[in-house]
């Protein structure tokens, strides 16, 4: 993996070699935390707790840095809709 995409600003972040994301790492463009659920390959809004790793502890704020032992950096290709977008879509289905 040579580049990752920030979930917040959608800009490419170049990585050098075998790069490990530390809990304190931030996007150089928008200062968003990179060691967060939204940047993890297990993040999925369609599953329970929004995490496909069943052994991971529940993390409420998916956009803040955390200490999850199962964190696996995503390259940004698994873009999922934000929770608010999904709620708005569901609400629009039931409007008269």
N, C-alpha and C. Protein backbone atom coordinates (compact mmCIF):
# COMPACT_ATOMS: atom_id res chain seq x y z
N UNK A 1 0.85 -1.17 0.00
CA UNK A 1 0.00 0.00 0.00
C UNK A 1 0.90 1.24 0.00
N UNK A 2 0.82 2.02 -1.06
CA UNK A 2 1.66 3.22 -1.17
C UNK A 2 0.93 4.49 -0.80
N UNK A 3 -0.37 4.48 -0.95
CA UNK A 3 -1.19 5.65 -0.64
C UNK A 3 -2.43 5.22 0.11
N UNK A 4 -2.93 6.10 0.95
CA UNK A 4 -4.24 5.91 1.56
C UNK A 4 -5.05 7.16 1.29
N UNK A 5 -6.34 7.07 1.41
CA UNK A 5 -7.22 8.21 1.21
C UNK A 5 -7.85 8.58 2.54
N UNK A 6 -7.74 9.82 2.93
CA UNK A 6 -8.35 10.30 4.16
C UNK A 6 -9.87 10.24 4.00
N UNK A 7 -10.57 9.65 4.97
CA UNK A 7 -12.02 9.55 4.88
C UNK A 7 -12.69 10.91 4.95
N UNK A 8 -12.04 11.87 5.58
CA UNK A 8 -12.66 13.18 5.80
C UNK A 8 -12.48 14.13 4.63
N UNK A 9 -11.25 14.33 4.19
CA UNK A 9 -10.99 15.30 3.11
C UNK A 9 -10.83 14.64 1.75
N UNK A 10 -10.77 13.31 1.71
CA UNK A 10 -10.65 12.53 0.48
C UNK A 10 -9.35 12.79 -0.29
N UNK A 11 -8.31 13.29 0.39
CA UNK A 11 -7.03 13.53 -0.28
C UNK A 11 -6.13 12.32 -0.09
N UNK A 12 -5.28 12.07 -1.08
CA UNK A 12 -4.33 10.97 -1.00
C UNK A 12 -3.19 11.32 -0.06
N UNK A 13 -2.86 10.36 0.79
CA UNK A 13 -1.75 10.53 1.74
C UNK A 13 -0.70 9.50 1.36
N UNK A 14 0.48 9.93 0.92
CA UNK A 14 1.53 8.97 0.54
C UNK A 14 2.14 8.31 1.77
N UNK A 15 2.39 7.01 1.66
CA UNK A 15 3.04 6.26 2.74
C UNK A 15 4.39 5.77 2.24
N UNK A 16 5.35 5.74 3.12
CA UNK A 16 6.70 5.29 2.75
C UNK A 16 6.96 3.91 3.35
N UNK A 17 7.19 2.92 2.52
CA UNK A 17 7.54 1.58 2.98
C UNK A 17 6.48 0.93 3.85
N UNK A 18 6.95 0.16 4.82
CA UNK A 18 6.05 -0.51 5.76
C UNK A 18 5.69 0.48 6.85
N UNK A 19 4.64 1.20 6.64
CA UNK A 19 4.24 2.28 7.53
C UNK A 19 3.16 1.80 8.48
N UNK A 20 3.36 2.02 9.77
CA UNK A 20 2.36 1.66 10.76
C UNK A 20 1.73 2.94 11.29
N UNK A 21 0.42 2.98 11.30
CA UNK A 21 -0.29 4.16 11.80
C UNK A 21 -0.33 4.12 13.32
N UNK A 22 0.24 5.11 13.95
CA UNK A 22 0.20 5.23 15.40
C UNK A 22 -1.09 5.93 15.81
N UNK A 23 -1.45 5.80 17.07
CA UNK A 23 -2.69 6.40 17.57
C UNK A 23 -2.72 7.91 17.38
N UNK A 24 -1.57 8.55 17.38
CA UNK A 24 -1.49 10.01 17.31
C UNK A 24 -1.39 10.55 15.89
N UNK A 25 -1.33 9.67 14.90
CA UNK A 25 -1.18 10.11 13.50
C UNK A 25 -2.41 10.87 13.02
N UNK A 26 -2.17 11.93 12.25
CA UNK A 26 -3.25 12.75 11.69
C UNK A 26 -3.02 12.96 10.20
N UNK A 27 -4.10 13.27 9.52
CA UNK A 27 -4.01 13.62 8.11
C UNK A 27 -3.23 14.93 7.99
N UNK A 28 -2.23 14.98 7.11
CA UNK A 28 -1.45 16.21 6.97
C UNK A 28 -2.24 17.37 6.35
N UNK A 29 -3.39 17.09 5.78
CA UNK A 29 -4.18 18.13 5.11
C UNK A 29 -5.30 18.69 6.00
N UNK A 30 -5.99 17.80 6.75
CA UNK A 30 -7.14 18.28 7.52
C UNK A 30 -7.04 17.97 9.02
N UNK A 31 -5.94 17.36 9.44
CA UNK A 31 -5.67 17.03 10.85
C UNK A 31 -6.68 16.07 11.47
N UNK A 32 -7.32 15.26 10.65
CA UNK A 32 -8.25 14.24 11.14
C UNK A 32 -7.44 13.04 11.62
N UNK A 33 -7.88 12.40 12.69
CA UNK A 33 -7.20 11.21 13.21
C UNK A 33 -7.21 10.10 12.17
N UNK A 34 -6.08 9.44 12.00
CA UNK A 34 -5.99 8.34 11.04
C UNK A 34 -6.17 6.98 11.71
N UNK A 35 -5.86 6.88 13.00
CA UNK A 35 -6.05 5.61 13.72
C UNK A 35 -7.44 5.62 14.35
N UNK A 36 -8.44 5.58 13.49
CA UNK A 36 -9.84 5.61 13.94
C UNK A 36 -10.63 4.58 13.14
N UNK A 37 -11.81 4.27 13.60
CA UNK A 37 -12.65 3.26 12.94
C UNK A 37 -12.90 3.56 11.47
N UNK A 38 -13.11 4.82 11.14
CA UNK A 38 -13.42 5.18 9.75
C UNK A 38 -12.27 4.88 8.80
N UNK A 39 -11.05 4.72 9.32
CA UNK A 39 -9.89 4.42 8.48
C UNK A 39 -9.50 2.95 8.57
N UNK A 40 -10.31 2.14 9.22
CA UNK A 40 -10.00 0.73 9.41
C UNK A 40 -10.69 -0.13 8.36
N UNK A 41 -10.03 -1.19 7.94
CA UNK A 41 -10.62 -2.08 6.95
C UNK A 41 -11.81 -2.86 7.50
N UNK A 42 -11.96 -2.96 8.82
CA UNK A 42 -13.09 -3.65 9.43
C UNK A 42 -14.33 -2.77 9.55
N UNK A 43 -14.20 -1.47 9.33
CA UNK A 43 -15.33 -0.54 9.47
C UNK A 43 -16.37 -0.82 8.39
N UNK A 44 -17.62 -1.00 8.82
CA UNK A 44 -18.70 -1.28 7.89
C UNK A 44 -20.00 -0.84 8.54
N UNK A 45 -20.67 0.14 7.96
CA UNK A 45 -21.90 0.67 8.54
C UNK A 45 -23.06 -0.30 8.49
N UNK A 46 -22.90 -1.38 7.74
CA UNK A 46 -24.01 -2.32 7.56
C UNK A 46 -24.04 -3.44 8.59
N UNK A 47 -23.03 -3.52 9.45
CA UNK A 47 -22.98 -4.61 10.43
C UNK A 47 -23.12 -4.06 11.85
N UNK A 48 -23.39 -4.99 12.78
CA UNK A 48 -23.54 -4.62 14.19
C UNK A 48 -22.30 -3.89 14.68
N UNK A 49 -22.52 -2.82 15.39
CA UNK A 49 -21.44 -2.02 15.96
C UNK A 49 -20.55 -1.37 14.91
N UNK A 50 -20.95 -1.43 13.65
CA UNK A 50 -20.21 -0.87 12.52
C UNK A 50 -18.78 -1.41 12.43
N UNK A 51 -18.60 -2.67 12.85
CA UNK A 51 -17.28 -3.30 12.81
C UNK A 51 -17.43 -4.77 12.45
N UNK A 52 -16.69 -5.21 11.43
CA UNK A 52 -16.75 -6.62 11.02
C UNK A 52 -15.89 -7.52 11.89
N UNK A 53 -15.08 -6.96 12.78
CA UNK A 53 -14.28 -7.76 13.72
C UNK A 53 -15.13 -8.01 14.97
N UNK A 54 -15.61 -9.22 15.12
CA UNK A 54 -16.54 -9.53 16.20
C UNK A 54 -15.92 -9.48 17.59
N UNK A 55 -14.61 -9.58 17.71
CA UNK A 55 -13.95 -9.54 19.02
C UNK A 55 -13.56 -8.14 19.47
N UNK A 56 -13.69 -7.16 18.60
CA UNK A 56 -13.30 -5.79 18.95
C UNK A 56 -14.27 -5.19 19.96
N UNK A 57 -13.74 -4.40 20.87
CA UNK A 57 -14.58 -3.71 21.84
C UNK A 57 -15.37 -2.61 21.14
N UNK A 58 -16.52 -2.28 21.68
CA UNK A 58 -17.37 -1.24 21.08
C UNK A 58 -16.70 0.12 21.23
N UNK A 59 -16.65 0.85 20.13
CA UNK A 59 -16.14 2.21 20.13
C UNK A 59 -17.27 3.10 19.62
N UNK A 60 -17.66 4.06 20.45
CA UNK A 60 -18.82 4.89 20.13
C UNK A 60 -18.50 5.90 19.04
N UNK A 61 -17.43 6.67 19.21
CA UNK A 61 -17.07 7.70 18.24
C UNK A 61 -16.12 7.11 17.21
N UNK A 62 -16.63 6.83 16.03
CA UNK A 62 -15.86 6.16 14.99
C UNK A 62 -14.86 7.07 14.30
N UNK A 63 -14.89 8.37 14.61
CA UNK A 63 -14.02 9.32 13.93
C UNK A 63 -12.88 9.83 14.82
N UNK A 64 -12.76 9.33 16.04
CA UNK A 64 -11.70 9.75 16.94
C UNK A 64 -10.67 8.64 17.10
N UNK A 65 -9.45 9.04 17.40
CA UNK A 65 -8.38 8.07 17.61
C UNK A 65 -8.76 7.12 18.75
N UNK A 66 -8.36 5.85 18.62
CA UNK A 66 -8.70 4.87 19.64
C UNK A 66 -7.55 3.89 19.84
N UNK A 67 -7.73 2.98 20.79
CA UNK A 67 -6.70 2.01 21.13
C UNK A 67 -7.07 0.60 20.65
N UNK A 68 -7.88 0.48 19.65
CA UNK A 68 -8.33 -0.83 19.17
C UNK A 68 -7.15 -1.68 18.72
N UNK A 69 -7.07 -2.90 19.27
CA UNK A 69 -5.99 -3.82 18.91
C UNK A 69 -6.19 -4.44 17.54
N UNK A 70 -7.38 -4.34 17.00
CA UNK A 70 -7.69 -4.96 15.72
C UNK A 70 -7.59 -3.99 14.55
N UNK A 71 -7.15 -2.77 14.81
CA UNK A 71 -7.07 -1.76 13.76
C UNK A 71 -6.22 -2.26 12.60
N UNK A 72 -6.77 -2.16 11.41
CA UNK A 72 -6.08 -2.56 10.18
C UNK A 72 -6.32 -1.45 9.16
N UNK A 73 -5.28 -0.72 8.84
CA UNK A 73 -5.41 0.45 7.98
C UNK A 73 -6.03 0.11 6.63
N UNK A 74 -7.03 0.84 6.27
CA UNK A 74 -7.70 0.70 4.98
C UNK A 74 -7.06 1.66 3.99
N UNK A 75 -7.09 1.30 2.73
CA UNK A 75 -6.54 2.20 1.71
C UNK A 75 -7.56 3.25 1.27
N UNK A 76 -8.76 3.18 1.85
CA UNK A 76 -9.80 4.15 1.51
C UNK A 76 -10.70 3.68 0.40
N UNK A 77 -10.44 2.50 -0.15
CA UNK A 77 -11.25 2.01 -1.26
C UNK A 77 -12.61 1.50 -0.81
N UNK A 78 -12.77 1.19 0.48
CA UNK A 78 -14.06 0.71 0.98
C UNK A 78 -14.87 1.87 1.54
N UNK A 79 -15.13 2.84 0.71
CA UNK A 79 -15.86 4.02 1.13
C UNK A 79 -17.31 3.64 1.43
N UNK A 80 -17.75 3.99 2.63
CA UNK A 80 -19.14 3.71 3.03
C UNK A 80 -19.83 5.02 3.35
N UNK A 81 -21.11 5.04 3.21
CA UNK A 81 -21.87 6.24 3.48
C UNK A 81 -21.83 6.58 4.97
N UNK A 82 -21.85 7.85 5.26
CA UNK A 82 -21.88 8.29 6.65
C UNK A 82 -23.20 7.90 7.28
N UNK A 83 -23.19 7.74 8.59
CA UNK A 83 -24.39 7.32 9.31
C UNK A 83 -25.54 8.28 9.07
N UNK A 84 -25.25 9.58 9.05
CA UNK A 84 -26.29 10.58 8.83
C UNK A 84 -26.92 10.43 7.44
N UNK A 85 -26.09 10.13 6.44
CA UNK A 85 -26.58 9.93 5.08
C UNK A 85 -27.53 8.74 5.02
N UNK A 86 -27.17 7.67 5.71
CA UNK A 86 -28.03 6.48 5.73
C UNK A 86 -29.35 6.75 6.44
N UNK A 87 -29.30 7.51 7.55
CA UNK A 87 -30.52 7.85 8.27
C UNK A 87 -31.43 8.73 7.42
N UNK A 88 -30.86 9.69 6.70
CA UNK A 88 -31.65 10.55 5.83
C UNK A 88 -32.28 9.77 4.69
N UNK A 89 -31.54 8.82 4.15
CA UNK A 89 -32.07 7.98 3.08
C UNK A 89 -33.24 7.13 3.58
N UNK A 90 -33.08 6.55 4.76
CA UNK A 90 -34.15 5.75 5.35
C UNK A 90 -35.38 6.61 5.64
N UNK A 91 -35.17 7.82 6.15
CA UNK A 91 -36.30 8.71 6.45
C UNK A 91 -37.04 9.10 5.18
N UNK A 92 -36.29 9.30 4.09
CA UNK A 92 -36.94 9.70 2.84
C UNK A 92 -37.81 8.58 2.26
N UNK A 93 -37.51 7.34 2.59
CA UNK A 93 -38.31 6.22 2.10
C UNK A 93 -39.72 6.19 2.70
N UNK A 94 -39.83 6.72 3.92
CA UNK A 94 -41.10 6.63 4.62
C UNK A 94 -41.91 7.92 4.62
N UNK A 95 -41.46 8.93 3.89
CA UNK A 95 -42.22 10.18 3.77
C UNK A 95 -43.38 9.98 2.81
N UNK A 96 -44.48 10.67 3.10
CA UNK A 96 -45.66 10.59 2.21
C UNK A 96 -45.63 11.69 1.21
